Amino acid sequence: MAEDTGDKSENRNRSTEEAALSARLQSLGERLAHQKGADRKVEAGPSSRSDPSALARGFRLSTELVAGVLVGAFIGWALDKWLGISPWGMIVFLLIGFAAGVINVMRAAGVSTGPGPRPQ
C-alpha cells in the first residue's frame, strides 16, 4: 500500500511539472509568433520561394554563355574552311567565344559593368 501512495505523489509531481513545462512552451510559442510577425512586417524583400522571374533570369544567363560559345565556334569553323588553317581557327575562336560568354553573363548578372573603372 505504501508503494501506491508513493506512485500517486510521483505522478502528481510529474503532472505538475508537465503542466508547468507546457505553460512555458505555450508562452515561448506566443513570443516567437509575435517576433516572427514583426520580422515579416520589416522584411518586404523577395520571398525565398521560387518565382518565375528567377527562372527566366537563369535561362537568360545560361543562354548568354551558350550563345557566346556557339558564335565563337561558328566563326572559328568558318575561318578554318575559308583560310584552310584547321583546327586553329576553331580553337582560338572557341576560347574567345567562351570568354565573351562569361563576360556577358557577368554583365547580365550585375557583377561587372564592363571595361573601365567601377563607379564608387
N, C-alpha and C. Protein backbone atom coordinates (compact mmCIF):
# COMPACT_ATOMS: atom_id res chain seq x y z
N MET A 1 0.81 -1.18 0.00
CA MET A 1 0.00 0.00 0.00
C MET A 1 0.86 1.26 0.00
N ALA A 2 1.99 1.19 0.68
CA ALA A 2 2.86 2.35 0.74
C ALA A 2 3.38 2.69 -0.64
N GLU A 3 3.56 1.66 -1.46
CA GLU A 3 4.03 1.90 -2.80
C GLU A 3 3.01 2.67 -3.63
N ASP A 4 1.73 2.37 -3.40
CA ASP A 4 0.67 3.04 -4.15
C ASP A 4 0.66 4.53 -3.88
N THR A 5 0.82 4.95 -2.64
CA THR A 5 0.80 6.38 -2.32
C THR A 5 2.02 7.07 -2.88
N GLY A 6 3.17 6.37 -2.91
CA GLY A 6 4.39 6.95 -3.48
C GLY A 6 4.24 7.17 -4.98
N ASP A 7 3.64 6.22 -5.68
CA ASP A 7 3.44 6.35 -7.11
C ASP A 7 2.49 7.50 -7.42
N LYS A 8 1.46 7.67 -6.60
CA LYS A 8 0.50 8.74 -6.83
C LYS A 8 1.15 10.11 -6.64
N SER A 9 2.00 10.25 -5.62
CA SER A 9 2.65 11.54 -5.41
C SER A 9 3.65 11.83 -6.54
N GLU A 10 4.32 10.79 -7.04
CA GLU A 10 5.24 10.98 -8.17
C GLU A 10 4.48 11.40 -9.42
N ASN A 11 3.35 10.74 -9.64
CA ASN A 11 2.52 11.09 -10.80
C ASN A 11 2.00 12.52 -10.67
N ARG A 12 1.63 12.90 -9.45
CA ARG A 12 1.13 14.25 -9.22
C ARG A 12 2.24 15.27 -9.47
N ASN A 13 3.46 14.97 -8.98
CA ASN A 13 4.60 15.86 -9.21
C ASN A 13 4.94 15.93 -10.70
N ARG A 14 4.88 14.77 -11.34
CA ARG A 14 5.18 14.71 -12.76
C ARG A 14 4.15 15.51 -13.56
N SER A 15 2.89 15.37 -13.22
CA SER A 15 1.85 16.11 -13.95
C SER A 15 1.97 17.61 -13.68
N THR A 16 2.36 17.99 -12.47
CA THR A 16 2.57 19.41 -12.17
C THR A 16 3.74 19.95 -12.98
N GLU A 17 4.83 19.18 -13.06
CA GLU A 17 5.98 19.59 -13.85
C GLU A 17 5.63 19.67 -15.33
N GLU A 18 4.85 18.71 -15.81
CA GLU A 18 4.44 18.73 -17.20
C GLU A 18 3.54 19.92 -17.50
N ALA A 19 2.68 20.26 -16.57
CA ALA A 19 1.81 21.41 -16.76
C ALA A 19 2.63 22.70 -16.80
N ALA A 20 3.63 22.81 -15.93
CA ALA A 20 4.49 24.00 -15.92
C ALA A 20 5.29 24.07 -17.22
N LEU A 21 5.81 22.95 -17.67
CA LEU A 21 6.55 22.91 -18.91
C LEU A 21 5.66 23.28 -20.10
N SER A 22 4.45 22.76 -20.10
CA SER A 22 3.51 23.07 -21.16
C SER A 22 3.19 24.57 -21.19
N ALA A 23 3.02 25.16 -20.01
CA ALA A 23 2.74 26.60 -19.95
C ALA A 23 3.93 27.41 -20.46
N ARG A 24 5.15 26.99 -20.11
CA ARG A 24 6.33 27.71 -20.60
C ARG A 24 6.48 27.57 -22.11
N LEU A 25 6.20 26.37 -22.64
CA LEU A 25 6.27 26.17 -24.08
C LEU A 25 5.22 27.01 -24.81
N GLN A 26 4.03 27.09 -24.23
CA GLN A 26 2.98 27.92 -24.82
C GLN A 26 3.40 29.38 -24.83
N SER A 27 3.97 29.85 -23.75
CA SER A 27 4.43 31.24 -23.67
C SER A 27 5.54 31.50 -24.68
N LEU A 28 6.46 30.56 -24.81
CA LEU A 28 7.55 30.71 -25.78
C LEU A 28 7.00 30.73 -27.20
N GLY A 29 6.05 29.86 -27.48
CA GLY A 29 5.43 29.83 -28.80
C GLY A 29 4.75 31.14 -29.14
N GLU A 30 4.07 31.73 -28.18
CA GLU A 30 3.41 33.02 -28.41
C GLU A 30 4.42 34.13 -28.66
N ARG A 31 5.51 34.13 -27.90
CA ARG A 31 6.53 35.15 -28.11
C ARG A 31 7.21 34.99 -29.46
N LEU A 32 7.48 33.74 -29.87
CA LEU A 32 8.09 33.51 -31.18
C LEU A 32 7.16 33.93 -32.31
N ALA A 33 5.87 33.63 -32.17
CA ALA A 33 4.92 34.03 -33.20
C ALA A 33 4.84 35.54 -33.29
N HIS A 34 4.89 36.22 -32.16
CA HIS A 34 4.86 37.68 -32.16
C HIS A 34 6.12 38.24 -32.83
N GLN A 35 7.28 37.65 -32.51
CA GLN A 35 8.54 38.10 -33.10
C GLN A 35 8.57 37.85 -34.60
N LYS A 36 8.11 36.68 -35.05
CA LYS A 36 8.07 36.38 -36.48
C LYS A 36 7.14 37.33 -37.21
N GLY A 37 6.04 37.69 -36.58
CA GLY A 37 5.12 38.64 -37.20
C GLY A 37 5.78 40.00 -37.38
N ALA A 38 6.57 40.43 -36.42
CA ALA A 38 7.28 41.71 -36.53
C ALA A 38 8.36 41.63 -37.60
N ASP A 39 9.04 40.48 -37.70
CA ASP A 39 10.07 40.30 -38.73
C ASP A 39 9.47 40.32 -40.12
N ARG A 40 8.30 39.74 -40.28
CA ARG A 40 7.66 39.70 -41.60
C ARG A 40 7.25 41.08 -42.04
N LYS A 41 6.85 41.93 -41.11
CA LYS A 41 6.47 43.30 -41.47
C LYS A 41 7.68 44.09 -41.93
N VAL A 42 8.83 43.89 -41.28
CA VAL A 42 10.04 44.61 -41.63
C VAL A 42 10.60 44.11 -42.94
N GLU A 43 10.52 42.80 -43.16
CA GLU A 43 11.12 42.17 -44.33
C GLU A 43 10.13 42.22 -45.50
N ALA A 44 10.36 43.15 -46.42
CA ALA A 44 9.47 43.29 -47.56
C ALA A 44 10.15 42.89 -48.85
N GLY A 45 11.28 42.20 -48.77
CA GLY A 45 12.04 41.80 -49.94
C GLY A 45 11.42 40.60 -50.63
N PRO A 46 12.11 40.06 -51.62
CA PRO A 46 11.59 38.92 -52.35
C PRO A 46 11.50 37.69 -51.46
N SER A 47 10.53 36.84 -51.73
CA SER A 47 10.35 35.64 -50.92
C SER A 47 11.37 34.59 -51.31
N SER A 48 11.54 33.60 -50.43
CA SER A 48 12.50 32.55 -50.70
C SER A 48 11.94 31.49 -51.63
N ARG A 49 10.66 31.57 -51.94
CA ARG A 49 10.06 30.62 -52.87
C ARG A 49 10.57 30.89 -54.28
N SER A 50 10.55 29.88 -55.09
CA SER A 50 11.00 30.07 -56.46
C SER A 50 9.93 30.83 -57.23
N ASP A 51 10.35 31.84 -57.94
CA ASP A 51 9.40 32.63 -58.71
C ASP A 51 9.80 32.61 -60.17
N PRO A 52 8.87 32.90 -61.05
CA PRO A 52 9.16 32.82 -62.48
C PRO A 52 10.27 33.75 -62.94
N SER A 53 10.42 34.89 -62.30
CA SER A 53 11.45 35.82 -62.74
C SER A 53 12.85 35.25 -62.48
N ALA A 54 13.02 34.49 -61.42
CA ALA A 54 14.32 33.88 -61.15
C ALA A 54 14.63 32.80 -62.18
N LEU A 55 13.61 32.06 -62.57
CA LEU A 55 13.79 31.04 -63.60
C LEU A 55 14.15 31.69 -64.94
N ALA A 56 13.48 32.77 -65.26
CA ALA A 56 13.77 33.49 -66.50
C ALA A 56 15.19 34.03 -66.49
N ARG A 57 15.61 34.54 -65.34
CA ARG A 57 16.97 35.07 -65.24
C ARG A 57 18.01 33.96 -65.42
N GLY A 58 17.74 32.79 -64.86
CA GLY A 58 18.64 31.65 -65.03
C GLY A 58 18.75 31.23 -66.48
N PHE A 59 17.61 31.19 -67.17
CA PHE A 59 17.64 30.85 -68.60
C PHE A 59 18.40 31.90 -69.40
N ARG A 60 18.23 33.16 -69.03
CA ARG A 60 18.93 34.22 -69.76
C ARG A 60 20.44 34.09 -69.58
N LEU A 61 20.87 33.85 -68.35
CA LEU A 61 22.30 33.74 -68.08
C LEU A 61 22.90 32.53 -68.81
N SER A 62 22.20 31.40 -68.79
CA SER A 62 22.74 30.23 -69.48
C SER A 62 22.74 30.44 -70.99
N THR A 63 21.74 31.14 -71.50
CA THR A 63 21.69 31.41 -72.93
C THR A 63 22.82 32.34 -73.35
N GLU A 64 23.14 33.31 -72.50
CA GLU A 64 24.26 34.22 -72.80
C GLU A 64 25.56 33.44 -72.97
N LEU A 65 25.81 32.50 -72.07
CA LEU A 65 27.05 31.73 -72.13
C LEU A 65 27.08 30.82 -73.36
N VAL A 66 25.99 30.10 -73.58
CA VAL A 66 25.94 29.17 -74.72
C VAL A 66 26.04 29.93 -76.04
N ALA A 67 25.38 31.07 -76.13
CA ALA A 67 25.44 31.85 -77.37
C ALA A 67 26.86 32.32 -77.66
N GLY A 68 27.57 32.76 -76.66
CA GLY A 68 28.95 33.20 -76.86
C GLY A 68 29.83 32.07 -77.38
N VAL A 69 29.68 30.89 -76.80
CA VAL A 69 30.49 29.75 -77.23
C VAL A 69 30.11 29.33 -78.65
N LEU A 70 28.81 29.29 -78.96
CA LEU A 70 28.38 28.88 -80.30
C LEU A 70 28.81 29.87 -81.38
N VAL A 71 28.71 31.16 -81.10
CA VAL A 71 29.14 32.16 -82.09
C VAL A 71 30.63 32.06 -82.32
N GLY A 72 31.39 31.90 -81.25
CA GLY A 72 32.84 31.74 -81.39
C GLY A 72 33.19 30.50 -82.18
N ALA A 73 32.50 29.40 -81.91
CA ALA A 73 32.77 28.16 -82.64
C ALA A 73 32.42 28.31 -84.12
N PHE A 74 31.32 28.98 -84.40
CA PHE A 74 30.93 29.17 -85.81
C PHE A 74 31.94 30.04 -86.56
N ILE A 75 32.37 31.11 -85.93
CA ILE A 75 33.37 31.98 -86.58
C ILE A 75 34.67 31.21 -86.81
N GLY A 76 35.09 30.44 -85.81
CA GLY A 76 36.30 29.64 -85.95
C GLY A 76 36.17 28.61 -87.05
N TRP A 77 35.03 27.94 -87.14
CA TRP A 77 34.80 26.94 -88.19
C TRP A 77 34.83 27.60 -89.57
N ALA A 78 34.16 28.78 -89.68
CA ALA A 78 34.12 29.48 -90.97
C ALA A 78 35.53 29.90 -91.40
N LEU A 79 36.32 30.40 -90.46
CA LEU A 79 37.70 30.79 -90.80
C LEU A 79 38.54 29.58 -91.19
N ASP A 80 38.31 28.45 -90.50
CA ASP A 80 39.04 27.23 -90.86
C ASP A 80 38.74 26.82 -92.29
N LYS A 81 37.48 26.86 -92.66
CA LYS A 81 37.10 26.46 -94.02
C LYS A 81 37.60 27.47 -95.06
N TRP A 82 37.52 28.75 -94.75
CA TRP A 82 37.87 29.80 -95.71
C TRP A 82 39.38 29.91 -95.91
N LEU A 83 40.13 29.88 -94.77
CA LEU A 83 41.57 30.06 -94.84
C LEU A 83 42.34 28.74 -94.87
N GLY A 84 41.68 27.64 -94.56
CA GLY A 84 42.36 26.34 -94.55
C GLY A 84 43.36 26.19 -93.42
N ILE A 85 43.07 26.74 -92.26
CA ILE A 85 44.00 26.69 -91.12
C ILE A 85 43.51 25.74 -90.03
N SER A 86 42.74 24.78 -90.40
CA SER A 86 42.12 23.86 -89.45
C SER A 86 43.16 23.24 -88.54
N PRO A 87 42.96 23.09 -87.29
CA PRO A 87 41.88 23.42 -86.37
C PRO A 87 42.11 24.70 -85.58
N TRP A 88 43.09 25.51 -85.96
CA TRP A 88 43.48 26.66 -85.14
C TRP A 88 42.40 27.74 -85.05
N GLY A 89 41.71 28.00 -86.10
CA GLY A 89 40.64 29.00 -86.04
C GLY A 89 39.56 28.60 -85.06
N MET A 90 39.19 27.31 -85.11
CA MET A 90 38.15 26.81 -84.20
C MET A 90 38.62 26.90 -82.76
N ILE A 91 39.85 26.51 -82.48
CA ILE A 91 40.36 26.53 -81.11
C ILE A 91 40.41 27.96 -80.58
N VAL A 92 40.98 28.86 -81.35
CA VAL A 92 41.15 30.24 -80.88
C VAL A 92 39.79 30.91 -80.68
N PHE A 93 38.90 30.78 -81.67
CA PHE A 93 37.63 31.47 -81.56
C PHE A 93 36.67 30.79 -80.58
N LEU A 94 36.84 29.52 -80.32
CA LEU A 94 36.06 28.85 -79.28
C LEU A 94 36.43 29.42 -77.91
N LEU A 95 37.72 29.63 -77.69
CA LEU A 95 38.17 30.24 -76.42
C LEU A 95 37.71 31.69 -76.31
N ILE A 96 37.79 32.43 -77.43
CA ILE A 96 37.32 33.82 -77.41
C ILE A 96 35.81 33.86 -77.16
N GLY A 97 35.07 32.95 -77.78
CA GLY A 97 33.63 32.88 -77.56
C GLY A 97 33.28 32.55 -76.12
N PHE A 98 34.05 31.64 -75.51
CA PHE A 98 33.82 31.31 -74.10
C PHE A 98 34.08 32.52 -73.21
N ALA A 99 35.16 33.22 -73.47
CA ALA A 99 35.47 34.42 -72.68
C ALA A 99 34.38 35.48 -72.86
N ALA A 100 33.91 35.67 -74.09
CA ALA A 100 32.84 36.64 -74.33
C ALA A 100 31.56 36.22 -73.63
N GLY A 101 31.26 34.92 -73.63
CA GLY A 101 30.07 34.42 -72.94
C GLY A 101 30.14 34.66 -71.45
N VAL A 102 31.29 34.42 -70.85
CA VAL A 102 31.46 34.65 -69.41
C VAL A 102 31.30 36.14 -69.09
N ILE A 103 31.88 37.00 -69.91
CA ILE A 103 31.75 38.44 -69.68
C ILE A 103 30.29 38.87 -69.80
N ASN A 104 29.58 38.34 -70.79
CA ASN A 104 28.16 38.68 -70.94
C ASN A 104 27.34 38.20 -69.75
N VAL A 105 27.65 37.01 -69.24
CA VAL A 105 26.94 36.50 -68.07
C VAL A 105 27.21 37.40 -66.87
N MET A 106 28.45 37.83 -66.70
CA MET A 106 28.78 38.71 -65.57
C MET A 106 28.06 40.04 -65.70
N ARG A 107 27.97 40.58 -66.90
CA ARG A 107 27.25 41.84 -67.10
C ARG A 107 25.76 41.66 -66.83
N ALA A 108 25.18 40.59 -67.34
CA ALA A 108 23.75 40.35 -67.16
C ALA A 108 23.41 40.10 -65.69
N ALA A 109 24.32 39.47 -64.96
CA ALA A 109 24.09 39.19 -63.55
C ALA A 109 24.34 40.41 -62.67
N GLY A 110 24.97 41.44 -63.24
CA GLY A 110 25.23 42.65 -62.45
C GLY A 110 26.52 42.60 -61.68
N VAL A 111 27.36 41.62 -61.94
CA VAL A 111 28.65 41.51 -61.25
C VAL A 111 29.62 42.54 -61.79
N SER A 112 29.59 42.76 -63.09
CA SER A 112 30.51 43.69 -63.73
C SER A 112 29.72 44.61 -64.66
N THR A 113 30.18 45.84 -64.76
CA THR A 113 29.51 46.79 -65.65
C THR A 113 30.23 46.94 -66.98
N GLY A 114 31.35 46.28 -67.13
CA GLY A 114 32.11 46.38 -68.38
C GLY A 114 33.49 46.92 -68.11
N PRO A 115 34.22 47.23 -69.19
CA PRO A 115 35.58 47.72 -69.02
C PRO A 115 35.60 49.13 -68.41
N GLY A 116 36.71 49.45 -67.79
CA GLY A 116 36.87 50.77 -67.20
C GLY A 116 36.74 50.72 -65.69
N PRO A 117 37.02 51.85 -65.05
CA PRO A 117 36.94 51.87 -63.58
C PRO A 117 35.49 51.78 -63.12
N ARG A 118 35.33 51.14 -61.98
CA ARG A 118 34.00 50.98 -61.40
C ARG A 118 33.59 52.27 -60.69
N PRO A 119 32.33 52.65 -60.79
CA PRO A 119 31.87 53.83 -60.04
C PRO A 119 31.85 53.53 -58.55
N GLN A 120 32.17 54.53 -57.75
CA GLN A 120 32.24 54.32 -56.31
C GLN A 120 31.09 54.90 -55.58
